[in-house]
Amino acid sequence: MQKAIACDIFPQTILAQLEKHLLNPRATSCSDSRLYRVLSVYDAEKTGYFIDDIPDGQLFQIAGGQIFKKEKKVRKRIMCENVQNRRKYLFSPIYKVIPLKGQQYVMTFP
């Protein structure tokens, strides 16, 4: 990575987070949420919103069609309730969801 950084091929926003990431890299891809957010700005297809960016109490839909209600942050994860079965689930803050307004969809997955 040092050679790629030295070639000055990354935008400054990515470079700053990439250098921080390389000081203490994570074991899995996408577990560095700050780097993932910066890289997602350059995604070709922008579908959904990060669950961390929607307000508490907001209803949202995941790619599988299930509907959840965002409750609160628990350490680094987001606790949500499935509205069909009332079970609680923990989501990564960088999980992409579709916010719902009442019964109307704001946007849909392809």
PDB file of N, CA and C in Angstrom:
ATOM      1  N   MET A   1       0.818  -1.202   0.000  1.00  0.00           N
ATOM      2  CA  MET A   1       0.000   0.000   0.000  1.00  0.00           C
ATOM      3  C   MET A   1       0.859   1.262   0.000  1.00  0.00           C
ATOM      4  N   GLN A   2       2.049   1.169   0.544  1.00  0.00           N
ATOM      5  CA  GLN A   2       2.916   2.350   0.586  1.00  0.00           C
ATOM      6  C   GLN A   2       3.203   2.869  -0.818  1.00  0.00           C
ATOM      7  N   LYS A   3       3.404   1.963  -1.788  1.00  0.00           N
ATOM      8  CA  LYS A   3       3.664   2.385  -3.169  1.00  0.00           C
ATOM      9  C   LYS A   3       2.444   3.082  -3.765  1.00  0.00           C
ATOM     10  N   ALA A   4       1.253   2.547  -3.489  1.00  0.00           N
ATOM     11  CA  ALA A   4       0.022   3.155  -4.004  1.00  0.00           C
ATOM     12  C   ALA A   4      -0.211   4.527  -3.381  1.00  0.00           C
ATOM     13  N   ILE A   5       0.077   4.657  -2.108  1.00  0.00           N
ATOM     14  CA  ILE A   5      -0.074   5.947  -1.438  1.00  0.00           C
ATOM     15  C   ILE A   5       0.936   6.947  -1.993  1.00  0.00           C
ATOM     16  N   ALA A   6       2.145   6.490  -2.236  1.00  0.00           N
ATOM     17  CA  ALA A   6       3.202   7.371  -2.756  1.00  0.00           C
ATOM     18  C   ALA A   6       2.895   7.853  -4.176  1.00  0.00           C
ATOM     19  N   CYS A   7       2.155   7.074  -4.951  1.00  0.00           N
ATOM     20  CA  CYS A   7       1.824   7.462  -6.331  1.00  0.00           C
ATOM     21  C   CYS A   7       0.780   8.568  -6.393  1.00  0.00           C
ATOM     22  N   ASP A   8       0.189   8.897  -5.263  1.00  0.00           N
ATOM     23  CA  ASP A   8      -0.807   9.976  -5.188  1.00  0.00           C
ATOM     24  C   ASP A   8      -1.996   9.709  -6.119  1.00  0.00           C
ATOM     25  N   ILE A   9      -2.526   8.480  -6.048  1.00  0.00           N
ATOM     26  CA  ILE A   9      -3.664   8.117  -6.895  1.00  0.00           C
ATOM     27  C   ILE A   9      -5.008   8.230  -6.173  1.00  0.00           C
ATOM     28  N   PHE A  10      -4.974   8.351  -4.848  1.00  0.00           N
ATOM     29  CA  PHE A  10      -6.208   8.414  -4.072  1.00  0.00           C
ATOM     30  C   PHE A  10      -6.623   9.866  -3.835  1.00  0.00           C
ATOM     31  N   PRO A  11      -7.938  10.149  -3.830  1.00  0.00           N
ATOM     32  CA  PRO A  11      -8.394  11.474  -3.428  1.00  0.00           C
ATOM     33  C   PRO A  11      -8.007  11.730  -1.961  1.00  0.00           C
ATOM     34  N   GLN A  12      -7.879  12.972  -1.592  1.00  0.00           N
ATOM     35  CA  GLN A  12      -7.433  13.330  -0.246  1.00  0.00           C
ATOM     36  C   GLN A  12      -8.353  12.764   0.837  1.00  0.00           C
ATOM     37  N   THR A  13      -9.658  12.728   0.587  1.00  0.00           N
ATOM     38  CA  THR A  13     -10.595  12.201   1.591  1.00  0.00           C
ATOM     39  C   THR A  13     -10.339  10.721   1.866  1.00  0.00           C
ATOM     40  N   ILE A  14     -10.068   9.965   0.821  1.00  0.00           N
ATOM     41  CA  ILE A  14      -9.779   8.535   0.999  1.00  0.00           C
ATOM     42  C   ILE A  14      -8.402   8.352   1.621  1.00  0.00           C
ATOM     43  N   LEU A  15      -7.447   9.124   1.183  1.00  0.00           N
ATOM     44  CA  LEU A  15      -6.073   8.990   1.660  1.00  0.00           C
ATOM     45  C   LEU A  15      -5.978   9.164   3.172  1.00  0.00           C
ATOM     46  N   ALA A  16      -6.680  10.145   3.710  1.00  0.00           N
ATOM     47  CA  ALA A  16      -6.629  10.389   5.154  1.00  0.00           C
ATOM     48  C   ALA A  16      -7.144   9.181   5.934  1.00  0.00           C
ATOM     49  N   GLN A  17      -8.299   8.638   5.532  1.00  0.00           N
ATOM     50  CA  GLN A  17      -8.855   7.475   6.231  1.00  0.00           C
ATOM     51  C   GLN A  17      -8.034   6.216   5.983  1.00  0.00           C
ATOM     52  N   LEU A  18      -7.476   6.074   4.799  1.00  0.00           N
ATOM     53  CA  LEU A  18      -6.666   4.912   4.476  1.00  0.00           C
ATOM     54  C   LEU A  18      -5.402   4.874   5.331  1.00  0.00           C
ATOM     55  N   GLU A  19      -4.775   6.016   5.521  1.00  0.00           N
ATOM     56  CA  GLU A  19      -3.580   6.070   6.363  1.00  0.00           C
ATOM     57  C   GLU A  19      -3.907   5.709   7.811  1.00  0.00           C
ATOM     58  N   LYS A  20      -5.048   6.187   8.311  1.00  0.00           N
ATOM     59  CA  LYS A  20      -5.478   5.818   9.669  1.00  0.00           C
ATOM     60  C   LYS A  20      -5.742   4.316   9.758  1.00  0.00           C
ATOM     61  N   HIS A  21      -6.381   3.783   8.720  1.00  0.00           N
ATOM     62  CA  HIS A  21      -6.706   2.355   8.700  1.00  0.00           C
ATOM     63  C   HIS A  21      -5.435   1.497   8.711  1.00  0.00           C
ATOM     64  N   LEU A  22      -4.430   1.908   7.967  1.00  0.00           N
ATOM     65  CA  LEU A  22      -3.208   1.115   7.864  1.00  0.00           C
ATOM     66  C   LEU A  22      -2.396   1.092   9.154  1.00  0.00           C
ATOM     67  N   LEU A  23      -2.638   2.033  10.062  1.00  0.00           N
ATOM     68  CA  LEU A  23      -1.960   2.007  11.357  1.00  0.00           C
ATOM     69  C   LEU A  23      -2.416   0.824  12.203  1.00  0.00           C
ATOM     70  N   ASN A  24      -3.685   0.471  12.074  1.00  0.00           N
ATOM     71  CA  ASN A  24      -4.246  -0.646  12.829  1.00  0.00           C
ATOM     72  C   ASN A  24      -5.328  -1.317  11.976  1.00  0.00           C
ATOM     73  N   PRO A  25      -4.938  -2.077  10.941  1.00  0.00           N
ATOM     74  CA  PRO A  25      -5.942  -2.663  10.045  1.00  0.00           C
ATOM     75  C   PRO A  25      -6.818  -3.699  10.748  1.00  0.00           C
ATOM     76  N   ARG A  26      -8.065  -3.767  10.327  1.00  0.00           N
ATOM     77  CA  ARG A  26      -9.016  -4.730  10.876  1.00  0.00           C
ATOM     78  C   ARG A  26      -8.819  -6.085  10.200  1.00  0.00           C
ATOM     79  N   ALA A  27      -9.371  -7.120  10.828  1.00  0.00           N
ATOM     80  CA  ALA A  27      -9.209  -8.483  10.323  1.00  0.00           C
ATOM     81  C   ALA A  27     -10.095  -8.775   9.118  1.00  0.00           C
ATOM     82  N   THR A  28     -11.225  -8.095   9.012  1.00  0.00           N
ATOM     83  CA  THR A  28     -12.136  -8.357   7.899  1.00  0.00           C
ATOM     84  C   THR A  28     -12.361  -7.084   7.099  1.00  0.00           C
ATOM     85  N   SER A  29     -12.743  -7.272   5.847  1.00  0.00           N
ATOM     86  CA  SER A  29     -13.058  -6.098   5.042  1.00  0.00           C
ATOM     87  C   SER A  29     -14.357  -5.482   5.552  1.00  0.00           C
ATOM     88  N   CYS A  30     -14.507  -4.233   5.393  1.00  0.00           N
ATOM     89  CA  CYS A  30     -15.710  -3.479   5.768  1.00  0.00           C
ATOM     90  C   CYS A  30     -15.907  -3.336   7.269  1.00  0.00           C
ATOM     91  N   SER A  31     -14.979  -3.796   8.098  1.00  0.00           N
ATOM     92  CA  SER A  31     -15.179  -3.614   9.537  1.00  0.00           C
ATOM     93  C   SER A  31     -14.672  -2.256  10.004  1.00  0.00           C
ATOM     94  N   ASP A  32     -13.937  -1.561   9.170  1.00  0.00           N
ATOM     95  CA  ASP A  32     -13.530  -0.186   9.470  1.00  0.00           C
ATOM     96  C   ASP A  32     -14.610   0.721   8.888  1.00  0.00           C
ATOM     97  N   SER A  33     -15.570   1.090   9.725  1.00  0.00           N
ATOM     98  CA  SER A  33     -16.741   1.816   9.227  1.00  0.00           C
ATOM     99  C   SER A  33     -16.381   3.185   8.663  1.00  0.00           C
ATOM    100  N   ARG A  34     -15.389   3.861   9.223  1.00  0.00           N
ATOM    101  CA  ARG A  34     -15.016   5.174   8.700  1.00  0.00           C
ATOM    102  C   ARG A  34     -14.450   5.069   7.286  1.00  0.00           C
ATOM    103  N   LEU A  35     -13.577   4.099   7.050  1.00  0.00           N
ATOM    104  CA  LEU A  35     -13.021   3.900   5.714  1.00  0.00           C
ATOM    105  C   LEU A  35     -14.115   3.460   4.746  1.00  0.00           C
ATOM    106  N   TYR A  36     -14.994   2.597   5.181  1.00  0.00           N
ATOM    107  CA  TYR A  36     -16.082   2.110   4.335  1.00  0.00           C
ATOM    108  C   TYR A  36     -16.989   3.260   3.894  1.00  0.00           C
ATOM    109  N   ARG A  37     -17.304   4.174   4.818  1.00  0.00           N
ATOM    110  CA  ARG A  37     -18.153   5.330   4.494  1.00  0.00           C
ATOM    111  C   ARG A  37     -17.496   6.220   3.440  1.00  0.00           C
ATOM    112  N   VAL A  38     -16.207   6.470   3.610  1.00  0.00           N
ATOM    113  CA  VAL A  38     -15.492   7.321   2.651  1.00  0.00           C
ATOM    114  C   VAL A  38     -15.452   6.648   1.286  1.00  0.00           C
ATOM    115  N   LEU A  39     -15.192   5.354   1.245  1.00  0.00           N
ATOM    116  CA  LEU A  39     -15.147   4.639  -0.028  1.00  0.00           C
ATOM    117  C   LEU A  39     -16.520   4.567  -0.695  1.00  0.00           C
ATOM    118  N   SER A  40     -17.595   4.509   0.095  1.00  0.00           N
ATOM    119  CA  SER A  40     -18.943   4.393  -0.470  1.00  0.00           C
ATOM    120  C   SER A  40     -19.362   5.646  -1.229  1.00  0.00           C
ATOM    121  N   VAL A  41     -18.723   6.769  -0.965  1.00  0.00           N
ATOM    122  CA  VAL A  41     -19.016   7.993  -1.710  1.00  0.00           C
ATOM    123  C   VAL A  41     -18.741   7.786  -3.195  1.00  0.00           C
ATOM    124  N   TYR A  42     -17.794   6.910  -3.512  1.00  0.00           N
ATOM    125  CA  TYR A  42     -17.390   6.668  -4.892  1.00  0.00           C
ATOM    126  C   TYR A  42     -18.075   5.450  -5.512  1.00  0.00           C
ATOM    127  N   ASP A  43     -19.097   4.882  -4.853  1.00  0.00           N
ATOM    128  CA  ASP A  43     -19.844   3.759  -5.418  1.00  0.00           C
ATOM    129  C   ASP A  43     -20.591   4.190  -6.676  1.00  0.00           C
ATOM    130  N   ALA A  44     -20.624   3.326  -7.661  1.00  0.00           N
ATOM    131  CA  ALA A  44     -21.336   3.633  -8.906  1.00  0.00           C
ATOM    132  C   ALA A  44     -22.847   3.674  -8.660  1.00  0.00           C
ATOM    133  N   GLU A  45     -23.360   2.687  -7.933  1.00  0.00           N
ATOM    134  CA  GLU A  45     -24.788   2.645  -7.604  1.00  0.00           C
ATOM    135  C   GLU A  45     -24.963   3.019  -6.141  1.00  0.00           C
ATOM    136  N   LYS A  46     -25.753   4.036  -5.907  1.00  0.00           N
ATOM    137  CA  LYS A  46     -26.003   4.475  -4.537  1.00  0.00           C
ATOM    138  C   LYS A  46     -27.436   4.100  -4.169  1.00  0.00           C
ATOM    139  N   THR A  47     -27.577   2.970  -3.486  1.00  0.00           N
ATOM    140  CA  THR A  47     -28.904   2.516  -3.083  1.00  0.00           C
ATOM    141  C   THR A  47     -28.973   2.459  -1.571  1.00  0.00           C
ATOM    142  N   GLY A  48     -30.035   2.984  -1.015  1.00  0.00           N
ATOM    143  CA  GLY A  48     -30.239   2.938   0.417  1.00  0.00           C
ATOM    144  C   GLY A  48     -29.428   3.948   1.184  1.00  0.00           C
ATOM    145  N   TYR A  49     -29.612   3.917   2.493  1.00  0.00           N
ATOM    146  CA  TYR A  49     -28.926   4.800   3.429  1.00  0.00           C
ATOM    147  C   TYR A  49     -28.281   3.944   4.507  1.00  0.00           C
ATOM    148  N   PHE A  50     -27.211   4.437   5.090  1.00  0.00           N
ATOM    149  CA  PHE A  50     -26.620   3.731   6.223  1.00  0.00           C
ATOM    150  C   PHE A  50     -27.598   3.802   7.379  1.00  0.00           C
ATOM    151  N   ILE A  51     -27.752   2.684   8.076  1.00  0.00           N
ATOM    152  CA  ILE A  51     -28.707   2.637   9.184  1.00  0.00           C
ATOM    153  C   ILE A  51     -28.326   3.637  10.271  1.00  0.00           C
ATOM    154  N   ASP A  52     -27.050   3.937  10.401  1.00  0.00           N
ATOM    155  CA  ASP A  52     -26.586   4.895  11.395  1.00  0.00           C
ATOM    156  C   ASP A  52     -27.044   6.320  11.078  1.00  0.00           C
ATOM    157  N   ASP A  53     -27.402   6.583   9.811  1.00  0.00           N
ATOM    158  CA  ASP A  53     -27.787   7.930   9.387  1.00  0.00           C
ATOM    159  C   ASP A  53     -29.285   8.210   9.506  1.00  0.00           C
ATOM    160  N   ILE A  54     -30.092   7.192   9.795  1.00  0.00           N
ATOM    161  CA  ILE A  54     -31.524   7.435   9.949  1.00  0.00           C
ATOM    162  C   ILE A  54     -31.831   7.637  11.437  1.00  0.00           C
ATOM    163  N   PRO A  55     -32.879   8.394  11.772  1.00  0.00           N
ATOM    164  CA  PRO A  55     -33.167   8.693  13.186  1.00  0.00           C
ATOM    165  C   PRO A  55     -33.746   7.493  13.943  1.00  0.00           C
ATOM    166  N   ASP A  56     -33.570   7.502  15.255  1.00  0.00           N
ATOM    167  CA  ASP A  56     -34.179   6.478  16.107  1.00  0.00           C
ATOM    168  C   ASP A  56     -35.695   6.544  15.936  1.00  0.00           C
ATOM    169  N   GLY A  57     -36.344   5.381  15.942  1.00  0.00           N
ATOM    170  CA  GLY A  57     -37.790   5.305  15.780  1.00  0.00           C
ATOM    171  C   GLY A  57     -38.231   5.183  14.330  1.00  0.00           C
ATOM    172  N   GLN A  58     -37.316   5.358  13.397  1.00  0.00           N
ATOM    173  CA  GLN A  58     -37.621   5.295  11.961  1.00  0.00           C
ATOM    174  C   GLN A  58     -37.860   3.856  11.521  1.00  0.00           C
ATOM    175  N   LEU A  59     -38.890   3.633  10.721  1.00  0.00           N
ATOM    176  CA  LEU A  59     -39.117   2.334  10.104  1.00  0.00           C
ATOM    177  C   LEU A  59     -38.259   2.252   8.854  1.00  0.00           C
ATOM    178  N   PHE A  60     -37.742   1.041   8.579  1.00  0.00           N
ATOM    179  CA  PHE A  60     -36.940   0.838   7.378  1.00  0.00           C
ATOM    180  C   PHE A  60     -37.103  -0.579   6.885  1.00  0.00           C
ATOM    181  N   GLN A  61     -36.730  -0.768   5.632  1.00  0.00           N
ATOM    182  CA  GLN A  61     -36.812  -2.087   4.996  1.00  0.00           C
ATOM    183  C   GLN A  61     -35.411  -2.511   4.580  1.00  0.00           C
ATOM    184  N   ILE A  62     -35.138  -3.820   4.727  1.00  0.00           N
ATOM    185  CA  ILE A  62     -33.850  -4.346   4.273  1.00  0.00           C
ATOM    186  C   ILE A  62     -34.047  -5.016   2.923  1.00  0.00           C
ATOM    187  N   ALA A  63     -32.957  -5.428   2.292  1.00  0.00           N
ATOM    188  CA  ALA A  63     -33.010  -6.004   0.945  1.00  0.00           C
ATOM    189  C   ALA A  63     -33.924  -7.222   0.862  1.00  0.00           C
ATOM    190  N   GLY A  64     -34.059  -7.995   1.929  1.00  0.00           N
ATOM    191  CA  GLY A  64     -34.912  -9.173   1.922  1.00  0.00           C
ATOM    192  C   GLY A  64     -36.395  -8.861   2.044  1.00  0.00           C
ATOM    193  N   GLY A  65     -36.758  -7.602   2.255  1.00  0.00           N
ATOM    194  CA  GLY A  65     -38.157  -7.199   2.346  1.00  0.00           C
ATOM    195  C   GLY A  65     -38.689  -7.054   3.754  1.00  0.00           C
ATOM    196  N   GLN A  66     -37.942  -7.495   4.754  1.00  0.00           N
ATOM    197  CA  GLN A  66     -38.413  -7.368   6.132  1.00  0.00           C
ATOM    198  C   GLN A  66     -38.381  -5.911   6.571  1.00  0.00           C
ATOM    199  N   ILE A  67     -39.316  -5.553   7.466  1.00  0.00           N
ATOM    200  CA  ILE A  67     -39.418  -4.186   7.959  1.00  0.00           C
ATOM    201  C   ILE A  67     -39.017  -4.158   9.428  1.00  0.00           C
ATOM    202  N   PHE A  68     -38.205  -3.161   9.778  1.00  0.00           N
ATOM    203  CA  PHE A  68     -37.685  -3.006  11.130  1.00  0.00           C
ATOM    204  C   PHE A  68     -37.908  -1.586  11.613  1.00  0.00           C
ATOM    205  N   LYS A  69     -37.793  -1.425  12.927  1.00  0.00           N
ATOM    206  CA  LYS A  69     -37.836  -0.105  13.544  1.00  0.00           C
ATOM    207  C   LYS A  69     -36.504   0.102  14.262  1.00  0.00           C
ATOM    208  N   LYS A  70     -35.827   1.190  13.946  1.00  0.00           N
ATOM    209  CA  LYS A  70     -34.556   1.486  14.595  1.00  0.00           C
ATOM    210  C   LYS A  70     -34.834   1.932  16.026  1.00  0.00           C
ATOM    211  N   GLU A  71     -34.129   1.320  16.994  1.00  0.00           N
ATOM    212  CA  GLU A  71     -34.365   1.668  18.386  1.00  0.00           C
ATOM    213  C   GLU A  71     -33.235   2.505  18.982  1.00  0.00           C
ATOM    214  N   LYS A  72     -32.057   1.897  19.163  1.00  0.00           N
ATOM    215  CA  LYS A  72     -30.971   2.638  19.807  1.00  0.00           C
ATOM    216  C   LYS A  72     -29.631   2.014  19.473  1.00  0.00           C
ATOM    217  N   LYS A  73     -28.585   2.763  19.754  1.00  0.00           N
ATOM    218  CA  LYS A  73     -27.238   2.265  19.543  1.00  0.00           C
ATOM    219  C   LYS A  73     -26.797   1.503  20.791  1.00  0.00           C
ATOM    220  N   VAL A  74     -26.238   0.311  20.586  1.00  0.00           N
ATOM    221  CA  VAL A  74     -25.719  -0.510  21.665  1.00  0.00           C
ATOM    222  C   VAL A  74     -24.243  -0.730  21.369  1.00  0.00           C
ATOM    223  N   ARG A  75     -23.394   0.003  22.053  1.00  0.00           N
ATOM    224  CA  ARG A  75     -21.960   0.036  21.760  1.00  0.00           C
ATOM    225  C   ARG A  75     -21.745   0.473  20.329  1.00  0.00           C
ATOM    226  N   LYS A  76     -21.280  -0.433  19.464  1.00  0.00           N
ATOM    227  CA  LYS A  76     -21.052  -0.050  18.070  1.00  0.00           C
ATOM    228  C   LYS A  76     -22.169  -0.490  17.140  1.00  0.00           C
ATOM    229  N   ARG A  77     -23.100  -1.275  17.610  1.00  0.00           N
ATOM    230  CA  ARG A  77     -24.181  -1.816  16.772  1.00  0.00           C
ATOM    231  C   ARG A  77     -25.478  -1.044  17.011  1.00  0.00           C
ATOM    232  N   ILE A  78     -26.422  -1.233  16.098  1.00  0.00           N
ATOM    233  CA  ILE A  78     -27.724  -0.578  16.187  1.00  0.00           C
ATOM    234  C   ILE A  78     -28.785  -1.636  16.485  1.00  0.00           C
ATOM    235  N   MET A  79     -29.498  -1.478  17.614  1.00  0.00           N
ATOM    236  CA  MET A  79     -30.561  -2.411  17.958  1.00  0.00           C
ATOM    237  C   MET A  79     -31.837  -1.990  17.238  1.00  0.00           C
ATOM    238  N   CYS A  80     -32.469  -2.979  16.585  1.00  0.00           N
ATOM    239  CA  CYS A  80     -33.695  -2.739  15.843  1.00  0.00           C
ATOM    240  C   CYS A  80     -34.692  -3.848  16.149  1.00  0.00           C
ATOM    241  N   GLU A  81     -35.974  -3.510  15.977  1.00  0.00           N
ATOM    242  CA  GLU A  81     -37.027  -4.490  16.212  1.00  0.00           C
ATOM    243  C   GLU A  81     -37.710  -4.827  14.900  1.00  0.00           C
ATOM    244  N   ASN A  82     -37.834  -6.118  14.619  1.00  0.00           N
ATOM    245  CA  ASN A  82     -38.580  -6.578  13.461  1.00  0.00           C
ATOM    246  C   ASN A  82     -40.059  -6.338  13.761  1.00  0.00           C
ATOM    247  N   VAL A  83     -40.757  -5.590  12.907  1.00  0.00           N
ATOM    248  CA  VAL A  83     -42.145  -5.240  13.212  1.00  0.00           C
ATOM    249  C   VAL A  83     -43.101  -6.419  13.049  1.00  0.00           C
ATOM    250  N   GLN A  84     -42.708  -7.453  12.284  1.00  0.00           N
ATOM    251  CA  GLN A  84     -43.587  -8.609  12.107  1.00  0.00           C
ATOM    252  C   GLN A  84     -43.542  -9.555  13.317  1.00  0.00           C
ATOM    253  N   ASN A  85     -42.329  -9.865  13.818  1.00  0.00           N
ATOM    254  CA  ASN A  85     -42.235 -10.853  14.898  1.00  0.00           C
ATOM    255  C   ASN A  85     -41.764 -10.278  16.232  1.00  0.00           C
ATOM    256  N   ARG A  86     -41.518  -8.983  16.305  1.00  0.00           N
ATOM    257  CA  ARG A  86     -41.108  -8.260  17.519  1.00  0.00           C
ATOM    258  C   ARG A  86     -39.756  -8.717  18.087  1.00  0.00           C
ATOM    259  N   ARG A  87     -38.969  -9.453  17.312  1.00  0.00           N
ATOM    260  CA  ARG A  87     -37.642  -9.850  17.776  1.00  0.00           C
ATOM    261  C   ARG A  87     -36.667  -8.697  17.585  1.00  0.00           C
ATOM    262  N   LYS A  88     -35.653  -8.674  18.448  1.00  0.00           N
ATOM    263  CA  LYS A  88     -34.621  -7.642  18.391  1.00  0.00           C
ATOM    264  C   LYS A  88     -33.422  -8.162  17.592  1.00  0.00           C
ATOM    265  N   TYR A  89     -32.844  -7.291  16.781  1.00  0.00           N
ATOM    266  CA  TYR A  89     -31.683  -7.632  15.968  1.00  0.00           C
ATOM    267  C   TYR A  89     -30.658  -6.513  16.075  1.00  0.00           C
ATOM    268  N   LEU A  90     -29.386  -6.880  15.982  1.00  0.00           N
ATOM    269  CA  LEU A  90     -28.306  -5.897  15.974  1.00  0.00           C
ATOM    270  C   LEU A  90     -27.762  -5.774  14.556  1.00  0.00           C
ATOM    271  N   PHE A  91     -27.662  -4.546  14.081  1.00  0.00           N
ATOM    272  CA  PHE A  91     -27.153  -4.260  12.751  1.00  0.00           C
ATOM    273  C   PHE A  91     -25.843  -3.501  12.849  1.00  0.00           C
ATOM    274  N   SER A  92     -24.988  -3.701  11.873  1.00  0.00           N
ATOM    275  CA  SER A  92     -23.779  -2.903  11.737  1.00  0.00           C
ATOM    276  C   SER A  92     -24.201  -1.484  11.365  1.00  0.00           C
ATOM    277  N   PRO A  93     -23.515  -0.458  11.855  1.00  0.00           N
ATOM    278  CA  PRO A  93     -23.903   0.919  11.521  1.00  0.00           C
ATOM    279  C   PRO A  93     -23.755   1.255  10.037  1.00  0.00           C
ATOM    280  N   ILE A  94     -23.018   0.434   9.278  1.00  0.00           N
ATOM    281  CA  ILE A  94     -22.848   0.707   7.851  1.00  0.00           C
ATOM    282  C   ILE A  94     -23.741  -0.174   6.985  1.00  0.00           C
ATOM    283  N   TYR A  95     -24.717  -0.841   7.593  1.00  0.00           N
ATOM    284  CA  TYR A  95     -25.670  -1.646   6.830  1.00  0.00           C
ATOM    285  C   TYR A  95     -26.598  -0.690   6.082  1.00  0.00           C
ATOM    286  N   LYS A  96     -26.821  -0.959   4.798  1.00  0.00           N
ATOM    287  CA  LYS A  96     -27.675  -0.074   3.993  1.00  0.00           C
ATOM    288  C   LYS A  96     -29.128  -0.534   4.057  1.00  0.00           C
ATOM    289  N   VAL A  97     -30.027   0.436   4.291  1.00  0.00           N
ATOM    290  CA  VAL A  97     -31.456   0.172   4.438  1.00  0.00           C
ATOM    291  C   VAL A  97     -32.260   1.176   3.614  1.00  0.00           C
ATOM    292  N   ILE A  98     -33.556   0.907   3.490  1.00  0.00           N
ATOM    293  CA  ILE A  98     -34.472   1.810   2.802  1.00  0.00           C
ATOM    294  C   ILE A  98     -35.426   2.396   3.844  1.00  0.00           C
ATOM    295  N   PRO A  99     -35.313   3.682   4.170  1.00  0.00           N
ATOM    296  CA  PRO A  99     -36.232   4.293   5.134  1.00  0.00           C
ATOM    297  C   PRO A  99     -37.662   4.303   4.591  1.00  0.00           C
ATOM    298  N   LEU A 100     -38.635   4.147   5.482  1.00  0.00           N
ATOM    299  CA  LEU A 100     -40.043   4.153   5.108  1.00  0.00           C
ATOM    300  C   LEU A 100     -40.731   5.361   5.737  1.00  0.00           C
ATOM    301  N   LYS A 101     -41.665   5.933   5.017  1.00  0.00           N
ATOM    302  CA  LYS A 101     -42.495   7.017   5.557  1.00  0.00           C
ATOM    303  C   LYS A 101     -43.910   6.477   5.617  1.00  0.00           C
ATOM    304  N   GLY A 102     -44.409   6.202   6.813  1.00  0.00           N
ATOM    305  CA  GLY A 102     -45.726   5.592   6.934  1.00  0.00           C
ATOM    306  C   GLY A 102     -45.729   4.269   6.211  1.00  0.00           C
ATOM    307  N   GLN A 103     -46.555   4.138   5.202  1.00  0.00           N
ATOM    308  CA  GLN A 103     -46.582   2.915   4.402  1.00  0.00           C
ATOM    309  C   GLN A 103     -45.946   3.121   3.030  1.00  0.00           C
ATOM    310  N   GLN A 104     -45.441   4.323   2.758  1.00  0.00           N
ATOM    311  CA  GLN A 104     -44.840   4.618   1.466  1.00  0.00           C
ATOM    312  C   GLN A 104     -43.340   4.374   1.494  1.00  0.00           C
ATOM    313  N   TYR A 105     -42.804   3.800   0.445  1.00  0.00           N
ATOM    314  CA  TYR A 105     -41.374   3.568   0.342  1.00  0.00           C
ATOM    315  C   TYR A 105     -40.693   4.829  -0.158  1.00  0.00           C
ATOM    316  N   VAL A 106     -39.582   5.170   0.448  1.00  0.00           N
ATOM    317  CA  VAL A 106     -38.813   6.323   0.002  1.00  0.00           C
ATOM    318  C   VAL A 106     -38.039   5.946  -1.249  1.00  0.00           C
ATOM    319  N   MET A 107     -37.417   4.778  -1.272  1.00  0.00           N
ATOM    320  CA  MET A 107     -36.711   4.268  -2.445  1.00  0.00           C
ATOM    321  C   MET A 107     -36.670   2.749  -2.348  1.00  0.00           C
ATOM    322  N   THR A 108     -36.388   2.066  -3.419  1.00  0.00           N
ATOM    323  CA  THR A 108     -36.405   0.613  -3.406  1.00  0.00           C
ATOM    324  C   THR A 108     -35.104   0.056  -3.944  1.00  0.00           C
ATOM    325  N   PHE A 109     -34.785  -1.157  -3.525  1.00  0.00           N
ATOM    326  CA  PHE A 109     -33.639  -1.865  -4.063  1.00  0.00           C
ATOM    327  C   PHE A 109     -34.009  -2.401  -5.430  1.00  0.00           C
ATOM    328  N   PRO A 110     -33.051  -2.517  -6.330  1.00  0.00           N
ATOM    329  CA  PRO A 110     -33.349  -3.049  -7.666  1.00  0.00           C
ATOM    330  C   PRO A 110     -33.711  -4.522  -7.620  1.00  0.00           C
TER     331      PRO A 110
END
